[in-house]
Protein backbone atom coordinates (compact mmCIF):
# COMPACT_ATOMS: atom_id res chain seq x y z
CA SER A 1 62.01 -33.73 21.27
CA ILE A 2 59.94 -33.74 19.29
CA LYS A 3 57.49 -33.67 22.03
CA ALA A 4 58.97 -30.67 22.76
CA ILE A 5 58.54 -29.20 19.74
CA GLU A 6 54.81 -30.59 19.44
CA SER A 7 54.38 -28.43 22.29
CA ASN A 8 51.89 -25.66 22.76
CA ASN A 9 55.52 -23.96 24.91
CA LYS A 10 56.93 -22.28 22.78
CA GLU A 11 59.19 -20.48 24.65
CA ASP A 12 61.88 -22.98 24.72
CA ASP A 13 64.34 -23.02 22.09
CA THR A 14 62.25 -25.10 19.11
CA MET A 15 65.06 -24.60 16.71
CA TRP A 16 67.61 -25.99 18.13
CA LEU A 17 65.33 -28.54 19.10
CA THR A 18 64.79 -28.99 15.53
CA TYR A 19 68.17 -29.16 14.27
CA TRP A 20 68.79 -31.82 16.91
CA VAL A 21 65.95 -34.33 16.33
CA VAL A 22 67.17 -33.20 11.96
CA TYR A 23 70.21 -34.41 12.77
CA GLY A 24 70.10 -37.16 14.90
CA VAL A 25 68.08 -38.75 12.04
CA PHE A 26 70.98 -37.28 9.88
CA CYS A 27 73.33 -39.30 12.14
CA VAL A 28 70.98 -43.15 12.04
CA ALA A 29 70.65 -42.89 8.38
CA GLU A 30 74.08 -42.10 7.47
CA SER A 31 75.56 -45.15 9.70
CA PHE A 32 73.58 -47.50 7.41
CA SER A 33 74.60 -45.36 4.44
CA ASP A 34 78.23 -43.84 4.82
CA LEU A 35 79.59 -47.28 4.01
CA PHE A 36 78.59 -46.50 0.27
CA LEU A 37 78.72 -42.96 0.40
CA TYR A 38 82.39 -41.95 1.54
CA TRP A 39 83.32 -43.70 -1.97
CA PHE A 40 82.26 -40.27 -3.45
CA PRO A 41 84.36 -37.31 -4.11
CA PHE A 42 83.79 -34.17 -2.27
CA TYR A 43 81.22 -36.52 -0.24
CA TYR A 44 82.71 -34.95 3.45
CA ALA A 45 82.47 -31.46 1.94
CA GLY A 46 78.93 -32.47 0.87
CA LYS A 47 77.88 -33.01 4.36
CA CYS A 48 79.50 -30.35 5.90
CA LEU A 49 77.36 -28.00 3.35
CA PHE A 50 74.28 -29.87 4.37
CA LEU A 51 74.65 -29.68 8.52
CA VAL A 52 76.08 -25.57 8.07
CA TRP A 53 72.43 -25.40 6.00
CA CYS A 54 70.62 -26.67 9.35
CA MET A 55 71.94 -24.72 11.03
CA ALA A 56 71.68 -21.37 9.26
CA PRO A 57 69.61 -18.54 11.21
CA VAL A 58 67.27 -18.62 8.12
CA PRO A 59 64.09 -19.56 8.04
CA TRP A 60 64.57 -21.26 4.96
CA ASN A 61 66.93 -23.15 7.22
CA GLY A 62 67.52 -26.88 6.82
CA SER A 63 66.79 -28.31 9.83
CA GLN A 64 62.90 -26.59 9.41
CA VAL A 65 62.13 -27.52 5.98
CA LEU A 66 63.11 -31.04 6.37
CA TYR A 67 61.43 -31.47 9.78
CA HIS A 68 58.31 -29.72 8.52
CA SER A 69 58.22 -31.82 5.29
CA ILE A 70 59.51 -35.42 6.09
CA ILE A 71 59.93 -35.94 10.10
CA ARG A 72 56.91 -34.28 11.41
CA PRO A 73 54.57 -36.00 9.08
CA PHE A 74 55.76 -39.27 9.57
CA PHE A 75 56.22 -38.60 13.57
CA LEU A 76 52.13 -37.66 13.54
CA LYS A 77 51.33 -40.57 11.94
CA HIS A 78 53.14 -43.30 13.68
CA HIS A 79 53.35 -41.50 16.80
CA GLN A 80 50.61 -43.34 18.62
CA ALA A 81 52.50 -46.66 18.35
CA VAL A 82 56.22 -44.55 19.82
CA ASP A 83 53.59 -43.33 22.63
CA ASN A 84 52.35 -47.47 23.09
CA MET A 85 56.07 -48.77 22.93
CA MET A 86 57.53 -46.43 25.35
CA SER A 87 55.08 -47.03 27.50
CA ASP A 88 55.50 -50.54 27.49
CA ILE A 89 58.86 -50.31 28.35
CA SER A 90 59.01 -48.27 30.93
CA ALA A 91 55.89 -50.71 32.22
CA LYS A 92 58.56 -53.71 31.70
CA ALA A 93 61.35 -51.13 33.44
């Protein structure tokens, strides 16, 4: 999905791909922190509001903000290592 977002062809559904990348990162982070966070009052309401903000059909929605400020810089910094690891895995398969 990140490769499709970063491609030159912008005719695809970049907004929804961005949402799914942010949602995937959120789910991975939540799987580690959910054991502690669910004890906080209104945790599930806050989680729901966060996900609605990520889906909001406005230019400053959560997916765009989080992707461009956190996920994209991290990916661009480490994309060569990810590509090398993926090519090693496909070679072994």
